């Protein structure tokens, strides 16, 4: 038996606004949203994309995060995401020239944006 990713779940203070940010960021439309739960309508590549309301705010760095790859201009994509409400945390580069940017969504959940690599 093996595991298959069923989806991505993010805790949220405001499920609707966080779902809207990620909808704008990924192009997946909001399929459902209420005060406690929201879901993006995704394709089969990532499974479900859910947002669950939690009472506490984010207080520490995520122990797990999602990396997103862009084809084309990574810096332009980072700027687009900042325009949608994300924050840029840091940019890193490996010895081979591979670059990625650590970001946070409007509620502080970390994610990375990298060039297509390999």
Protein backbone atom coordinates (compact mmCIF):
# COMPACT_ATOMS: atom_id res chain seq x y z
CA UNK A 1 0.00 0.00 0.00
CA UNK A 2 1.26 3.52 -0.79
CA UNK A 3 0.13 7.01 0.06
CA UNK A 4 -1.27 9.46 -2.48
CA UNK A 5 -1.67 13.15 -1.71
CA UNK A 6 -5.37 13.80 -1.23
CA UNK A 7 -5.02 17.53 -1.01
CA UNK A 8 -3.63 20.60 0.67
CA UNK A 9 -5.34 21.95 3.80
CA UNK A 10 -4.58 25.37 5.27
CA UNK A 11 -5.79 26.64 8.63
CA UNK A 12 -7.42 30.05 8.30
CA UNK A 13 -8.86 32.85 10.36
CA UNK A 14 -10.96 34.01 7.39
CA UNK A 15 -11.64 31.09 5.06
CA UNK A 16 -13.27 33.18 2.34
CA UNK A 17 -10.49 35.75 1.97
CA UNK A 18 -7.73 33.14 2.12
CA UNK A 19 -9.54 31.01 -0.48
CA UNK A 20 -9.85 34.11 -2.71
CA UNK A 21 -6.12 34.83 -2.40
CA UNK A 22 -5.22 31.25 -3.36
CA UNK A 23 -7.81 31.24 -6.14
CA UNK A 24 -6.25 34.39 -7.60
CA UNK A 25 -2.75 32.96 -7.10
CA UNK A 26 -3.39 29.53 -8.66
CA UNK A 27 -6.23 30.19 -11.09
CA UNK A 28 -8.39 27.53 -9.42
CA UNK A 29 -11.89 28.94 -8.77
CA UNK A 30 -13.52 28.90 -5.34
CA UNK A 31 -15.92 25.93 -5.39
CA UNK A 32 -17.44 26.54 -1.97
CA UNK A 33 -16.94 28.95 0.91
CA UNK A 34 -18.64 29.74 4.18
CA UNK A 35 -17.46 31.04 7.54
CA UNK A 36 -15.89 27.71 8.54
CA UNK A 37 -14.74 25.99 5.37
CA UNK A 38 -13.73 26.81 1.80
CA UNK A 39 -12.57 24.72 -1.12
CA UNK A 40 -10.98 25.47 -4.47
CA UNK A 41 -12.07 23.52 -7.54
CA UNK A 42 -8.78 21.95 -8.62
CA UNK A 43 -7.60 19.60 -11.29
CA UNK A 44 -6.27 16.14 -10.43
CA UNK A 45 -2.67 17.36 -10.12
CA UNK A 46 -2.92 18.43 -6.46
CA UNK A 47 -6.08 16.85 -5.11
CA UNK A 48 -8.29 19.00 -2.92
CA UNK A 49 -7.36 22.52 -1.76
CA UNK A 50 -9.20 23.26 1.51
CA UNK A 51 -9.30 26.09 4.04
CA UNK A 52 -10.51 25.32 7.55
CA UNK A 53 -11.36 27.98 10.12
CA UNK A 54 -9.37 27.71 13.34
CA UNK A 55 -9.67 29.90 16.44
CA UNK A 56 -5.95 30.55 16.92
CA UNK A 57 -3.68 32.64 14.74
CA UNK A 58 -0.44 31.38 13.24
CA UNK A 59 2.41 31.71 15.74
CA UNK A 60 5.40 29.81 14.34
CA UNK A 61 7.00 28.74 11.06
CA UNK A 62 5.21 25.93 9.21
CA UNK A 63 6.94 22.58 9.51
CA UNK A 64 5.69 21.70 6.01
CA UNK A 65 4.97 23.95 3.05
CA UNK A 66 4.15 23.79 -0.65
CA UNK A 67 6.65 24.69 -3.39
CA UNK A 68 5.23 26.17 -6.57
CA UNK A 69 7.16 26.21 -9.85
CA UNK A 70 6.77 28.87 -12.51
CA UNK A 71 7.67 28.63 -16.15
CA UNK A 72 9.15 31.93 -17.13
CA UNK A 73 9.93 34.94 -14.97
CA UNK A 74 10.00 33.93 -11.28
CA UNK A 75 10.57 37.53 -10.14
CA UNK A 76 7.49 38.70 -12.06
CA UNK A 77 5.42 35.94 -10.44
CA UNK A 78 6.70 36.92 -6.99
CA UNK A 79 5.70 40.53 -7.71
CA UNK A 80 2.24 39.40 -8.87
CA UNK A 81 1.73 37.42 -5.65
CA UNK A 82 2.86 40.38 -3.54
CA UNK A 83 0.27 42.45 -5.40
CA UNK A 84 -2.38 39.91 -4.39
CA UNK A 85 -1.42 40.22 -0.70
CA UNK A 86 1.48 37.80 -0.17
CA UNK A 87 4.73 38.82 1.54
CA UNK A 88 8.22 38.08 0.27
CA UNK A 89 10.40 36.62 3.06
CA UNK A 90 13.71 35.71 1.38
CA UNK A 91 15.27 34.66 -1.91
CA UNK A 92 17.85 31.88 -2.10
CA UNK A 93 20.18 30.64 -4.82
CA UNK A 94 22.04 27.35 -5.12
CA UNK A 95 25.53 27.01 -6.57
CA UNK A 96 24.05 25.84 -9.89
CA UNK A 97 22.01 29.07 -10.22
CA UNK A 98 18.64 27.59 -9.15
CA UNK A 99 16.63 30.28 -7.32
CA UNK A 100 13.57 30.23 -5.13
CA UNK A 101 11.69 32.77 -3.06
CA UNK A 102 10.18 32.04 0.34
CA UNK A 103 6.83 33.80 0.71
CA UNK A 104 3.86 34.02 3.08
CA UNK A 105 0.19 34.19 2.15
CA UNK A 106 -1.97 36.92 3.76
CA UNK A 107 -2.38 34.80 6.93
CA UNK A 108 1.32 33.96 7.22
CA UNK A 109 1.40 30.43 5.75
CA UNK A 110 4.78 29.88 4.10
CA UNK A 111 5.22 28.71 0.53
CA UNK A 112 8.01 28.88 -2.03
CA UNK A 113 8.10 30.02 -5.63
CA UNK A 114 10.88 28.61 -7.80
CA UNK A 115 11.94 28.43 -11.39
CA UNK A 116 11.21 25.18 -13.17
CA UNK A 117 14.28 23.11 -12.34
CA UNK A 118 15.75 20.18 -14.20
